[in-house]
PDB file of N, CA and C in Angstrom:
ATOM      1  N   MET A   1       0.690  -1.159   0.440  1.00  0.00           N
ATOM      2  CA  MET A   1      -0.104  -0.366   0.198  1.00  0.00           C
ATOM      3  C   MET A   1       1.209   1.888   0.128  1.00  0.00           C
ATOM      4  N   LYS A   2       0.486   2.094  -0.944  1.00  0.00           N
ATOM      5  CA  LYS A   2       1.727   3.716  -1.137  1.00  0.00           C
ATOM      6  C   LYS A   2       1.268   4.055  -0.230  1.00  0.00           C
ATOM      7  N   HIS A   3       1.849   5.749   0.751  1.00  0.00           N
ATOM      8  CA  HIS A   3       1.223   5.761   1.791  1.00  0.00           C
ATOM      9  C   HIS A   3       1.745   7.248   1.445  1.00  0.00           C
ATOM     10  N   THR A   4       0.678   8.300   1.461  1.00  0.00           N
ATOM     11  CA  THR A   4       0.938   9.150   0.990  1.00  0.00           C
ATOM     12  C   THR A   4       0.304  10.342   1.593  1.00  0.00           C
ATOM     13  N   SER A   5       1.093  11.471   1.316  1.00  0.00           N
ATOM     14  CA  SER A   5       0.115  13.173   2.735  1.00  0.00           C
ATOM     15  C   SER A   5      -0.595  13.847   1.652  1.00  0.00           C
ATOM     16  N   SER A   6      -1.421  14.510   2.031  1.00  0.00           N
ATOM     17  CA  SER A   6      -1.798  15.580   1.485  1.00  0.00           C
ATOM     18  C   SER A   6      -0.959  16.860   0.977  1.00  0.00           C
ATOM     19  N   SER A   7      -0.190  16.414   1.632  1.00  0.00           N
ATOM     20  CA  SER A   7       0.909  18.123   0.379  1.00  0.00           C
ATOM     21  C   SER A   7       1.245  16.882  -0.777  1.00  0.00           C
ATOM     22  N   GLY A   8      -0.249  17.061  -1.735  1.00  0.00           N
ATOM     23  CA  GLY A   8       0.097  16.619  -3.227  1.00  0.00           C
ATOM     24  C   GLY A   8       0.926  15.669  -3.650  1.00  0.00           C
ATOM     25  N   GLY A   9       0.971  14.711  -2.434  1.00  0.00           N
ATOM     26  CA  GLY A   9       1.477  12.686  -3.141  1.00  0.00           C
ATOM     27  C   GLY A   9       2.369  12.933  -2.905  1.00  0.00           C
ATOM     28  N   ARG A  10       3.327  13.671  -2.256  1.00  0.00           N
ATOM     29  CA  ARG A  10       4.523  13.303  -1.427  1.00  0.00           C
ATOM     30  C   ARG A  10       4.563  12.357  -0.018  1.00  0.00           C
ATOM     31  N   PRO A  11       5.146  11.326   0.050  1.00  0.00           N
ATOM     32  CA  PRO A  11       6.129  10.605   1.353  1.00  0.00           C
ATOM     33  C   PRO A  11       6.422  11.874   2.521  1.00  0.00           C
ATOM     34  N   PRO A  12       5.793  11.208   3.162  1.00  0.00           N
ATOM     35  CA  PRO A  12       6.189  12.466   4.693  1.00  0.00           C
ATOM     36  C   PRO A  12       7.972  12.644   5.113  1.00  0.00           C
ATOM     37  N   VAL A  13       7.802  13.357   4.912  1.00  0.00           N
ATOM     38  CA  VAL A  13       8.801  14.049   5.584  1.00  0.00           C
ATOM     39  C   VAL A  13       9.482  14.007   7.281  1.00  0.00           C
ATOM     40  N   PRO A  14      10.818  12.233   7.150  1.00  0.00           N
ATOM     41  CA  PRO A  14      11.084  12.202   8.491  1.00  0.00           C
ATOM     42  C   PRO A  14      12.027  13.598   9.421  1.00  0.00           C
ATOM     43  N   ARG A  15      11.527  12.751  10.589  1.00  0.00           N
ATOM     44  CA  ARG A  15      11.969  14.765  11.798  1.00  0.00           C
ATOM     45  C   ARG A  15      13.503  14.357  11.482  1.00  0.00           C
ATOM     46  N   SER A  16      13.912  14.227  11.408  1.00  0.00           N
ATOM     47  CA  SER A  16      15.410  14.526  10.850  1.00  0.00           C
ATOM     48  C   SER A  16      15.765  15.301   9.678  1.00  0.00           C
ATOM     49  N   ARG A  17      15.236  14.782   9.320  1.00  0.00           N
ATOM     50  CA  ARG A  17      14.499  16.564   7.917  1.00  0.00           C
ATOM     51  C   ARG A  17      13.793  17.737   7.574  1.00  0.00           C
ATOM     52  N   SER A  18      12.913  18.137   9.108  1.00  0.00           N
ATOM     53  CA  SER A  18      12.093  18.615   9.547  1.00  0.00           C
ATOM     54  C   SER A  18      12.321  20.558   9.779  1.00  0.00           C
ATOM     55  N   GLY A  19      13.244  20.830   8.748  1.00  0.00           N
ATOM     56  CA  GLY A  19      13.627  22.363   9.621  1.00  0.00           C
ATOM     57  C   GLY A  19      12.607  22.929   8.475  1.00  0.00           C
ATOM     58  N   PHE A  20      13.609  24.087   9.235  1.00  0.00           N
ATOM     59  CA  PHE A  20      11.611  24.876   8.454  1.00  0.00           C
ATOM     60  C   PHE A  20      12.513  25.158   6.637  1.00  0.00           C
ATOM     61  N   VAL A  21      13.171  25.394   6.888  1.00  0.00           N
ATOM     62  CA  VAL A  21      14.140  25.849   4.909  1.00  0.00           C
ATOM     63  C   VAL A  21      14.528  24.259   4.315  1.00  0.00           C
ATOM     64  N   GLY A  22      14.102  23.176   4.570  1.00  0.00           N
ATOM     65  CA  GLY A  22      13.387  22.120   4.342  1.00  0.00           C
ATOM     66  C   GLY A  22      14.756  21.068   4.949  1.00  0.00           C
ATOM     67  N   ARG A  23      15.876  20.879   3.112  1.00  0.00           N
ATOM     68  CA  ARG A  23      17.175  20.077   3.763  1.00  0.00           C
ATOM     69  C   ARG A  23      17.824  21.169   4.668  1.00  0.00           C
ATOM     70  N   ARG A  24      18.100  20.167   5.527  1.00  0.00           N
ATOM     71  CA  ARG A  24      19.515  20.544   6.347  1.00  0.00           C
ATOM     72  C   ARG A  24      21.528  20.214   5.530  1.00  0.00           C
ATOM     73  N   TYR A  25      21.550  20.611   6.882  1.00  0.00           N
ATOM     74  CA  TYR A  25      23.257  20.500   6.729  1.00  0.00           C
ATOM     75  C   TYR A  25      23.490  19.260   7.455  1.00  0.00           C
ATOM     76  N   GLU A  26      25.229  18.880   6.868  1.00  0.00           N
ATOM     77  CA  GLU A  26      25.014  17.412   8.231  1.00  0.00           C
ATOM     78  C   GLU A  26      25.913  17.597   9.543  1.00  0.00           C
ATOM     79  N   ARG A  27      25.067  16.956  10.326  1.00  0.00           N
ATOM     80  CA  ARG A  27      25.461  16.926  11.724  1.00  0.00           C
ATOM     81  C   ARG A  27      26.089  16.813  12.099  1.00  0.00           C
ATOM     82  N   THR A  28      26.937  17.799  12.690  1.00  0.00           N
ATOM     83  CA  THR A  28      28.317  17.628  13.106  1.00  0.00           C
ATOM     84  C   THR A  28      28.000  18.452  14.430  1.00  0.00           C
ATOM     85  N   GLY A  29      26.750  18.605  15.373  1.00  0.00           N
ATOM     86  CA  GLY A  29      27.190  18.506  16.488  1.00  0.00           C
ATOM     87  C   GLY A  29      27.369  16.556  18.084  1.00  0.00           C
ATOM     88  N   THR A  30      27.966  16.942  18.899  1.00  0.00           N
ATOM     89  CA  THR A  30      26.928  16.269  19.464  1.00  0.00           C
ATOM     90  C   THR A  30      26.055  15.156  20.239  1.00  0.00           C
ATOM     91  N   GLU A  31      24.771  16.376  19.819  1.00  0.00           N
ATOM     92  CA  GLU A  31      23.075  15.889  20.043  1.00  0.00           C
ATOM     93  C   GLU A  31      23.161  14.433  19.330  1.00  0.00           C
ATOM     94  N   PRO A  32      22.301  14.100  20.500  1.00  0.00           N
ATOM     95  CA  PRO A  32      21.290  12.415  19.883  1.00  0.00           C
ATOM     96  C   PRO A  32      21.120  12.784  18.618  1.00  0.00           C
ATOM     97  N   VAL A  33      21.218  11.762  17.928  1.00  0.00           N
ATOM     98  CA  VAL A  33      20.339  11.765  17.009  1.00  0.00           C
ATOM     99  C   VAL A  33      19.420  11.236  16.537  1.00  0.00           C
ATOM    100  N   THR A  34      18.642  10.848  17.748  1.00  0.00           N
ATOM    101  CA  THR A  34      17.390  10.105  17.942  1.00  0.00           C
ATOM    102  C   THR A  34      16.828  12.102  18.543  1.00  0.00           C
ATOM    103  N   ALA A  35      17.765  13.413  18.541  1.00  0.00           N
ATOM    104  CA  ALA A  35      16.904  13.954  19.189  1.00  0.00           C
ATOM    105  C   ALA A  35      15.728  14.566  18.755  1.00  0.00           C
ATOM    106  N   ARG A  36      15.294  15.356  19.479  1.00  0.00           N
ATOM    107  CA  ARG A  36      13.309  15.805  19.185  1.00  0.00           C
ATOM    108  C   ARG A  36      12.962  16.969  19.646  1.00  0.00           C
ATOM    109  N   SER A  37      12.583  18.094  18.508  1.00  0.00           N
ATOM    110  CA  SER A  37      11.354  18.172  19.338  1.00  0.00           C
ATOM    111  C   SER A  37      10.341  18.203  20.633  1.00  0.00           C
ATOM    112  N   ALA A  38       9.989  19.181  20.972  1.00  0.00           N
ATOM    113  CA  ALA A  38       9.050  18.965  22.694  1.00  0.00           C
ATOM    114  C   ALA A  38       7.834  19.347  21.899  1.00  0.00           C
ATOM    115  N   LEU A  39       7.034  19.140  20.739  1.00  0.00           N
ATOM    116  CA  LEU A  39       6.064  19.759  20.265  1.00  0.00           C
ATOM    117  C   LEU A  39       5.458  19.823  20.956  1.00  0.00           C
ATOM    118  N   CYS A  40       4.531  18.190  22.047  1.00  0.00           N
ATOM    119  CA  CYS A  40       3.478  17.777  22.441  1.00  0.00           C
ATOM    120  C   CYS A  40       3.380  19.294  23.741  1.00  0.00           C
ATOM    121  N   LEU A  41       4.778  19.277  24.449  1.00  0.00           N
ATOM    122  CA  LEU A  41       4.837  20.521  25.086  1.00  0.00           C
ATOM    123  C   LEU A  41       5.098  21.943  24.739  1.00  0.00           C
ATOM    124  N   ARG A  42       5.342  22.222  23.647  1.00  0.00           N
ATOM    125  CA  ARG A  42       4.680  22.981  22.801  1.00  0.00           C
ATOM    126  C   ARG A  42       3.206  23.376  22.908  1.00  0.00           C
ATOM    127  N   LEU A  43       3.002  22.378  22.485  1.00  0.00           N
ATOM    128  CA  LEU A  43       1.655  22.578  22.848  1.00  0.00           C
ATOM    129  C   LEU A  43       0.912  23.370  23.318  1.00  0.00           C
ATOM    130  N   ALA A  44       1.356  21.830  24.738  1.00  0.00           N
ATOM    131  CA  ALA A  44       0.864  22.296  26.111  1.00  0.00           C
ATOM    132  C   ALA A  44       1.012  23.627  26.155  1.00  0.00           C
ATOM    133  N   LEU A  45       2.057  24.218  25.828  1.00  0.00           N
ATOM    134  CA  LEU A  45       2.277  26.088  26.401  1.00  0.00           C
ATOM    135  C   LEU A  45       1.101  27.194  25.458  1.00  0.00           C
ATOM    136  N   VAL A  46       1.411  26.889  24.864  1.00  0.00           N
ATOM    137  CA  VAL A  46       0.485  27.948  23.733  1.00  0.00           C
ATOM    138  C   VAL A  46      -0.968  26.792  24.099  1.00  0.00           C
ATOM    139  N   GLY A  47      -1.791  26.445  24.530  1.00  0.00           N
ATOM    140  CA  GLY A  47      -3.457  26.055  25.063  1.00  0.00           C
ATOM    141  C   GLY A  47      -2.855  26.744  25.380  1.00  0.00           C
ATOM    142  N   LEU A  48      -1.871  26.581  27.195  1.00  0.00           N
ATOM    143  CA  LEU A  48      -2.602  27.253  28.101  1.00  0.00           C
ATOM    144  C   LEU A  48      -2.269  28.998  27.954  1.00  0.00           C
ATOM    145  N   PHE A  49      -1.566  28.898  27.138  1.00  0.00           N
ATOM    146  CA  PHE A  49      -1.286  31.063  27.285  1.00  0.00           C
ATOM    147  C   PHE A  49      -1.953  31.418  26.249  1.00  0.00           C
ATOM    148  N   ALA A  50      -2.386  30.753  25.064  1.00  0.00           N
ATOM    149  CA  ALA A  50      -2.930  31.474  23.655  1.00  0.00           C
ATOM    150  C   ALA A  50      -3.921  32.337  24.766  1.00  0.00           C
ATOM    151  N   PRO A  51      -4.796  31.751  25.115  1.00  0.00           N
ATOM    152  CA  PRO A  51      -5.593  31.672  25.931  1.00  0.00           C
ATOM    153  C   PRO A  51      -5.204  33.727  26.911  1.00  0.00           C
ATOM    154  N   LEU A  52      -4.891  32.888  27.614  1.00  0.00           N
ATOM    155  CA  LEU A  52      -4.872  33.773  28.591  1.00  0.00           C
ATOM    156  C   LEU A  52      -4.617  35.344  28.225  1.00  0.00           C
ATOM    157  N   PHE A  53      -3.278  35.627  26.874  1.00  0.00           N
ATOM    158  CA  PHE A  53      -3.007  36.473  26.105  1.00  0.00           C
ATOM    159  C   PHE A  53      -4.590  37.558  25.493  1.00  0.00           C
ATOM    160  N   VAL A  54      -5.492  36.350  25.129  1.00  0.00           N
ATOM    161  CA  VAL A  54      -6.250  36.852  24.178  1.00  0.00           C
ATOM    162  C   VAL A  54      -7.415  37.212  25.214  1.00  0.00           C
ATOM    163  N   LEU A  55      -7.546  36.920  26.409  1.00  0.00           N
ATOM    164  CA  LEU A  55      -7.972  36.940  27.571  1.00  0.00           C
ATOM    165  C   LEU A  55      -7.509  39.124  27.924  1.00  0.00           C
ATOM    166  N   GLY A  56      -6.687  38.026  28.348  1.00  0.00           N
ATOM    167  CA  GLY A  56      -6.114  40.015  28.409  1.00  0.00           C
ATOM    168  C   GLY A  56      -5.611  40.202  27.156  1.00  0.00           C
ATOM    169  N   THR A  57      -5.435  40.438  26.527  1.00  0.00           N
ATOM    170  CA  THR A  57      -5.931  41.389  25.227  1.00  0.00           C
ATOM    171  C   THR A  57      -7.714  42.728  25.662  1.00  0.00           C
ATOM    172  N   VAL A  58      -8.610  41.590  25.805  1.00  0.00           N
ATOM    173  CA  VAL A  58      -9.348  41.996  25.700  1.00  0.00           C
ATOM    174  C   VAL A  58      -9.959  42.786  27.317  1.00  0.00           C
ATOM    175  N   LEU A  59      -9.279  41.846  28.235  1.00  0.00           N
ATOM    176  CA  LEU A  59      -9.593  43.411  29.310  1.00  0.00           C
ATOM    177  C   LEU A  59      -8.967  44.584  29.447  1.00  0.00           C
ATOM    178  N   PHE A  60      -6.655  44.531  28.862  1.00  0.00           N
ATOM    179  CA  PHE A  60      -6.518  45.604  28.690  1.00  0.00           C
ATOM    180  C   PHE A  60      -7.926  46.924  27.384  1.00  0.00           C
ATOM    181  N   ALA A  61      -8.004  46.350  26.984  1.00  0.00           N
ATOM    182  CA  ALA A  61      -8.573  47.652  25.053  1.00  0.00           C
ATOM    183  C   ALA A  61     -10.002  47.677  26.253  1.00  0.00           C
ATOM    184  N   ALA A  62     -10.446  47.147  26.970  1.00  0.00           N
ATOM    185  CA  ALA A  62     -11.881  47.446  27.712  1.00  0.00           C
ATOM    186  C   ALA A  62     -11.445  48.517  29.294  1.00  0.00           C
ATOM    187  N   LEU A  63     -10.402  48.069  29.503  1.00  0.00           N
ATOM    188  CA  LEU A  63      -9.865  49.334  30.814  1.00  0.00           C
ATOM    189  C   LEU A  63      -9.847  50.373  30.213  1.00  0.00           C
ATOM    190  N   ALA A  64      -8.906  51.150  29.353  1.00  0.00           N
ATOM    191  CA  ALA A  64      -8.089  51.687  27.975  1.00  0.00           C
ATOM    192  C   ALA A  64      -9.436  52.711  27.349  1.00  0.00           C
ATOM    193  N   ALA A  65     -11.557  51.882  27.667  1.00  0.00           N
ATOM    194  CA  ALA A  65     -11.274  52.392  26.395  1.00  0.00           C
ATOM    195  C   ALA A  65     -12.741  53.377  27.576  1.00  0.00           C
ATOM    196  N   GLY A  66     -12.372  52.654  29.026  1.00  0.00           N
ATOM    197  CA  GLY A  66     -13.517  52.936  29.881  1.00  0.00           C
ATOM    198  C   GLY A  66     -12.134  53.289  31.203  1.00  0.00           C
ATOM    199  N   ALA A  67     -11.158  54.007  30.667  1.00  0.00           N
ATOM    200  CA  ALA A  67     -10.006  54.424  31.552  1.00  0.00           C
ATOM    201  C   ALA A  67     -10.447  56.129  31.340  1.00  0.00           C
ATOM    202  N   ALA A  68     -11.349  57.116  32.456  1.00  0.00           N
ATOM    203  CA  ALA A  68     -11.073  58.454  32.080  1.00  0.00           C
ATOM    204  C   ALA A  68      -9.609  59.317  32.191  1.00  0.00           C
ATOM    205  N   PRO A  69     -10.322  60.924  31.549  1.00  0.00           N
ATOM    206  CA  PRO A  69      -8.630  61.938  31.963  1.00  0.00           C
ATOM    207  C   PRO A  69      -8.717  61.457  32.927  1.00  0.00           C
ATOM    208  N   GLY A  70      -7.059  60.967  33.661  1.00  0.00           N
ATOM    209  CA  GLY A  70      -6.815  61.567  34.886  1.00  0.00           C
ATOM    210  C   GLY A  70      -6.709  60.733  36.004  1.00  0.00           C
ATOM    211  N   ASP A  71      -6.804  59.694  35.368  1.00  0.00           N
ATOM    212  CA  ASP A  71      -7.443  58.333  36.011  1.00  0.00           C
ATOM    213  C   ASP A  71      -5.692  57.213  36.435  1.00  0.00           C
ATOM    214  N   SER A  72      -5.965  56.722  36.983  1.00  0.00           N
ATOM    215  CA  SER A  72      -3.811  56.215  37.284  1.00  0.00           C
ATOM    216  C   SER A  72      -4.300  54.523  37.795  1.00  0.00           C
ATOM    217  N   PRO A  73      -3.895  53.925  36.453  1.00  0.00           N
ATOM    218  CA  PRO A  73      -2.547  54.554  35.358  1.00  0.00           C
ATOM    219  C   PRO A  73      -3.646  55.049  34.071  1.00  0.00           C
ATOM    220  N   ASP A  74      -3.225  55.182  33.473  1.00  0.00           N
ATOM    221  CA  ASP A  74      -4.039  56.514  32.307  1.00  0.00           C
ATOM    222  C   ASP A  74      -4.112  55.826  31.119  1.00  0.00           C
ATOM    223  N   GLN A  75      -4.960  56.231  30.592  1.00  0.00           N
ATOM    224  CA  GLN A  75      -4.882  55.219  29.233  1.00  0.00           C
ATOM    225  C   GLN A  75      -4.320  54.300  28.259  1.00  0.00           C
ATOM    226  N   ALA A  76      -3.376  54.988  27.842  1.00  0.00           N
ATOM    227  CA  ALA A  76      -1.859  54.830  27.457  1.00  0.00           C
ATOM    228  C   ALA A  76      -1.441  53.533  27.642  1.00  0.00           C
ATOM    229  N   ALA A  77      -1.105  53.913  29.202  1.00  0.00           N
ATOM    230  CA  ALA A  77      -0.647  52.628  29.674  1.00  0.00           C
ATOM    231  C   ALA A  77      -1.043  50.840  29.461  1.00  0.00           C
ATOM    232  N   PHE A  78      -2.921  51.008  29.423  1.00  0.00           N
ATOM    233  CA  PHE A  78      -3.939  50.053  29.396  1.00  0.00           C
ATOM    234  C   PHE A  78      -3.849  49.680  28.155  1.00  0.00           C
ATOM    235  N   VAL A  79      -3.601  51.000  26.871  1.00  0.00           N
ATOM    236  CA  VAL A  79      -3.471  50.423  25.232  1.00  0.00           C
ATOM    237  C   VAL A  79      -2.313  49.614  25.210  1.00  0.00           C
ATOM    238  N   TRP A  80      -1.569  49.602  25.731  1.00  0.00           N
ATOM    239  CA  TRP A  80      -0.039  49.938  25.730  1.00  0.00           C
ATOM    240  C   TRP A  80       0.403  48.071  25.615  1.00  0.00           C
ATOM    241  N   LEU A  81      -0.299  47.677  27.568  1.00  0.00           N
ATOM    242  CA  LEU A  81      -0.931  45.820  27.991  1.00  0.00           C
ATOM    243  C   LEU A  81      -1.333  45.519  27.000  1.00  0.00           C
ATOM    244  N   ALA A  82      -2.504  45.776  26.567  1.00  0.00           N
ATOM    245  CA  ALA A  82      -3.394  45.560  25.310  1.00  0.00           C
ATOM    246  C   ALA A  82      -2.922  45.270  23.963  1.00  0.00           C
ATOM    247  N   VAL A  83      -1.057  45.622  23.954  1.00  0.00           N
ATOM    248  CA  VAL A  83      -1.187  45.278  22.570  1.00  0.00           C
ATOM    249  C   VAL A  83      -0.161  44.550  22.349  1.00  0.00           C
ATOM    250  N   LEU A  84       0.830  44.871  23.343  1.00  0.00           N
ATOM    251  CA  LEU A  84       2.301  43.588  24.993  1.00  0.00           C
ATOM    252  C   LEU A  84       0.541  42.232  24.458  1.00  0.00           C
ATOM    253  N   CYS A  85       0.167  41.765  24.983  1.00  0.00           N
ATOM    254  CA  CYS A  85      -1.281  40.674  24.672  1.00  0.00           C
ATOM    255  C   CYS A  85      -0.925  40.008  24.197  1.00  0.00           C
ATOM    256  N   ALA A  86      -1.281  40.991  22.605  1.00  0.00           N
ATOM    257  CA  ALA A  86      -2.050  41.242  21.500  1.00  0.00           C
ATOM    258  C   ALA A  86      -0.803  40.184  20.790  1.00  0.00           C
ATOM    259  N   GLY A  87      -0.024  41.117  21.104  1.00  0.00           N
ATOM    260  CA  GLY A  87       1.040  40.570  19.554  1.00  0.00           C
ATOM    261  C   GLY A  87       1.929  39.126  20.394  1.00  0.00           C
ATOM    262  N   LEU A  88       1.928  38.941  22.087  1.00  0.00           N
ATOM    263  CA  LEU A  88       2.036  37.740  22.772  1.00  0.00           C
ATOM    264  C   LEU A  88       1.059  36.746  22.333  1.00  0.00           C
ATOM    265  N   ALA A  89      -0.207  37.312  21.513  1.00  0.00           N
ATOM    266  CA  ALA A  89      -0.347  36.556  21.735  1.00  0.00           C
ATOM    267  C   ALA A  89      -1.323  35.777  20.028  1.00  0.00           C
ATOM    268  N   LEU A  90      -0.075  36.427  19.308  1.00  0.00           N
ATOM    269  CA  LEU A  90      -0.082  36.733  18.088  1.00  0.00           C
ATOM    270  C   LEU A  90       0.867  35.585  18.226  1.00  0.00           C
ATOM    271  N   ILE A  91       2.006  35.874  18.321  1.00  0.00           N
ATOM    272  CA  ILE A  91       2.879  34.689  18.483  1.00  0.00           C
ATOM    273  C   ILE A  91       3.163  33.593  19.277  1.00  0.00           C
ATOM    274  N   ALA A  92       2.257  33.082  19.765  1.00  0.00           N
ATOM    275  CA  ALA A  92       1.307  31.865  20.816  1.00  0.00           C
ATOM    276  C   ALA A  92       0.404  31.406  19.251  1.00  0.00           C
ATOM    277  N   LEU A  93      -0.174  31.972  18.607  1.00  0.00           N
ATOM    278  CA  LEU A  93      -1.062  31.297  17.783  1.00  0.00           C
ATOM    279  C   LEU A  93       0.066  31.250  16.147  1.00  0.00           C
ATOM    280  N   LEU A  94       0.841  31.500  15.770  1.00  0.00           N
ATOM    281  CA  LEU A  94       2.024  31.472  14.796  1.00  0.00           C
ATOM    282  C   LEU A  94       2.150  30.816  15.189  1.00  0.00           C
ATOM    283  N   ASP A  95       2.669  29.999  16.753  1.00  0.00           N
ATOM    284  CA  ASP A  95       3.920  29.190  17.059  1.00  0.00           C
ATOM    285  C   ASP A  95       2.725  26.967  16.999  1.00  0.00           C
ATOM    286  N   LEU A  96       1.378  27.552  17.047  1.00  0.00           N
ATOM    287  CA  LEU A  96       0.925  27.095  16.683  1.00  0.00           C
ATOM    288  C   LEU A  96       0.499  26.219  15.503  1.00  0.00           C
ATOM    289  N   TRP A  97       0.402  27.746  14.655  1.00  0.00           N
ATOM    290  CA  TRP A  97       0.663  27.454  13.701  1.00  0.00           C
ATOM    291  C   TRP A  97       2.260  26.089  13.758  1.00  0.00           C
ATOM    292  N   VAL A  98       2.834  26.318  13.048  1.00  0.00           N
ATOM    293  CA  VAL A  98       3.953  25.735  12.613  1.00  0.00           C
ATOM    294  C   VAL A  98       4.410  24.553  13.688  1.00  0.00           C
ATOM    295  N   ILE A  99       3.491  24.402  15.014  1.00  0.00           N
ATOM    296  CA  ILE A  99       3.104  22.602  15.425  1.00  0.00           C
ATOM    297  C   ILE A  99       2.234  21.668  14.683  1.00  0.00           C
ATOM    298  N   MET A 100       1.239  22.961  14.307  1.00  0.00           N
ATOM    299  CA  MET A 100       0.650  22.308  13.403  1.00  0.00           C
ATOM    300  C   MET A 100       0.692  20.782  12.452  1.00  0.00           C
ATOM    301  N   ARG A 101       2.069  21.782  11.414  1.00  0.00           N
ATOM    302  CA  ARG A 101       2.227  22.232  10.207  1.00  0.00           C
ATOM    303  C   ARG A 101       3.706  21.284  10.681  1.00  0.00           C
ATOM    304  N   ARG A 102       4.388  21.344  11.539  1.00  0.00           N
ATOM    305  CA  ARG A 102       5.051  20.009  11.586  1.00  0.00           C
ATOM    306  C   ARG A 102       4.731  18.560  11.629  1.00  0.00           C
ATOM    307  N   ARG A 103       3.319  18.670  13.129  1.00  0.00           N
ATOM    308  CA  ARG A 103       2.503  17.458  13.469  1.00  0.00           C
ATOM    309  C   ARG A 103       2.241  16.606  11.960  1.00  0.00           C
ATOM    310  N   ARG A 104       1.999  17.884  11.691  1.00  0.00           N
ATOM    311  CA  ARG A 104       0.511  17.370   9.638  1.00  0.00           C
ATOM    312  C   ARG A 104       1.751  16.330   8.859  1.00  0.00           C
ATOM    313  N   ARG A 105       2.868  17.052   8.527  1.00  0.00           N
ATOM    314  CA  ARG A 105       4.106  16.641   7.701  1.00  0.00           C
ATOM    315  C   ARG A 105       4.859  15.684   8.515  1.00  0.00           C
ATOM    316  N   GLU A 106       5.309  14.934   9.743  1.00  0.00           N
ATOM    317  CA  GLU A 106       5.160  14.337  10.267  1.00  0.00           C
ATOM    318  C   GLU A 106       4.753  12.916  10.084  1.00  0.00           C
ATOM    319  N   ASN A 107       3.696  13.394  10.608  1.00  0.00           N
ATOM    320  CA  ASN A 107       2.370  12.253  11.119  1.00  0.00           C
ATOM    321  C   ASN A 107       1.260  12.000   9.978  1.00  0.00           C
ATOM    322  N   PRO A 108       1.755  11.763   9.052  1.00  0.00           N
ATOM    323  CA  PRO A 108       0.537  12.224   8.137  1.00  0.00           C
ATOM    324  C   PRO A 108      -0.863  11.234   8.183  1.00  0.00           C
ATOM    325  N   ARG A 109      -1.938  10.752   8.443  1.00  0.00           N
ATOM    326  CA  ARG A 109      -2.878  10.543   8.088  1.00  0.00           C
ATOM    327  C   ARG A 109      -3.107   9.215   7.003  1.00  0.00           C
ATOM    328  N   PRO A 110      -3.207   8.053   6.721  1.00  0.00           N
ATOM    329  CA  PRO A 110      -3.207   6.998   6.150  1.00  0.00           C
ATOM    330  C   PRO A 110      -4.449   8.040   4.835  1.00  0.00           C
ATOM    331  N   GLN A 111      -4.586   7.956   4.041  1.00  0.00           N
ATOM    332  CA  GLN A 111      -5.519   8.979   3.001  1.00  0.00           C
ATOM    333  C   GLN A 111      -6.575   7.122   2.296  1.00  0.00           C
ATOM    334  N   PRO A 112      -7.911   6.992   3.217  1.00  0.00           N
ATOM    335  CA  PRO A 112      -8.882   6.224   2.198  1.00  0.00           C
ATOM    336  C   PRO A 112      -7.682   5.321   0.535  1.00  0.00           C
ATOM    337  N   PRO A 113      -8.344   4.687   0.391  1.00  0.00           N
ATOM    338  CA  PRO A 113      -7.893   4.412  -1.367  1.00  0.00           C
ATOM    339  C   PRO A 113      -9.448   4.813  -2.486  1.00  0.00           C
ATOM    340  N   ARG A 114      -9.140   5.143  -3.254  1.00  0.00           N
ATOM    341  CA  ARG A 114     -10.410   6.113  -3.878  1.00  0.00           C
ATOM    342  C   ARG A 114     -10.921   4.703  -4.671  1.00  0.00           C
ATOM    343  N   PRO A 115     -12.293   5.378  -4.496  1.00  0.00           N
ATOM    344  CA  PRO A 115     -12.854   3.953  -5.902  1.00  0.00           C
ATOM    345  C   PRO A 115     -12.915   3.775  -6.993  1.00  0.00           C
TER     346      PRO A 115
END
């Protein structure tokens, strides 16, 4: 049975060749041959922190909208905190996209045979 992935019928990319650019240089360091990235840990951290950063963005944006002139902290502080949380949420969501793409490339699901 031929094993194909959803990416144009190409075979899955082995973990040793799953870099961002694709092909990597020969291994020159002392790292183990079977060293792997902690994708499950990264996925757990994204699942924990992405919703917190989105919640922080919404909370600080609401506080910035409700801040009156002369309040301490002022509206600008809440805006900066909202922007910071939004940036961190964006980074977390981009990391989620990278994690899911790597998992699909390394462990593609077998496609059912076409009739």
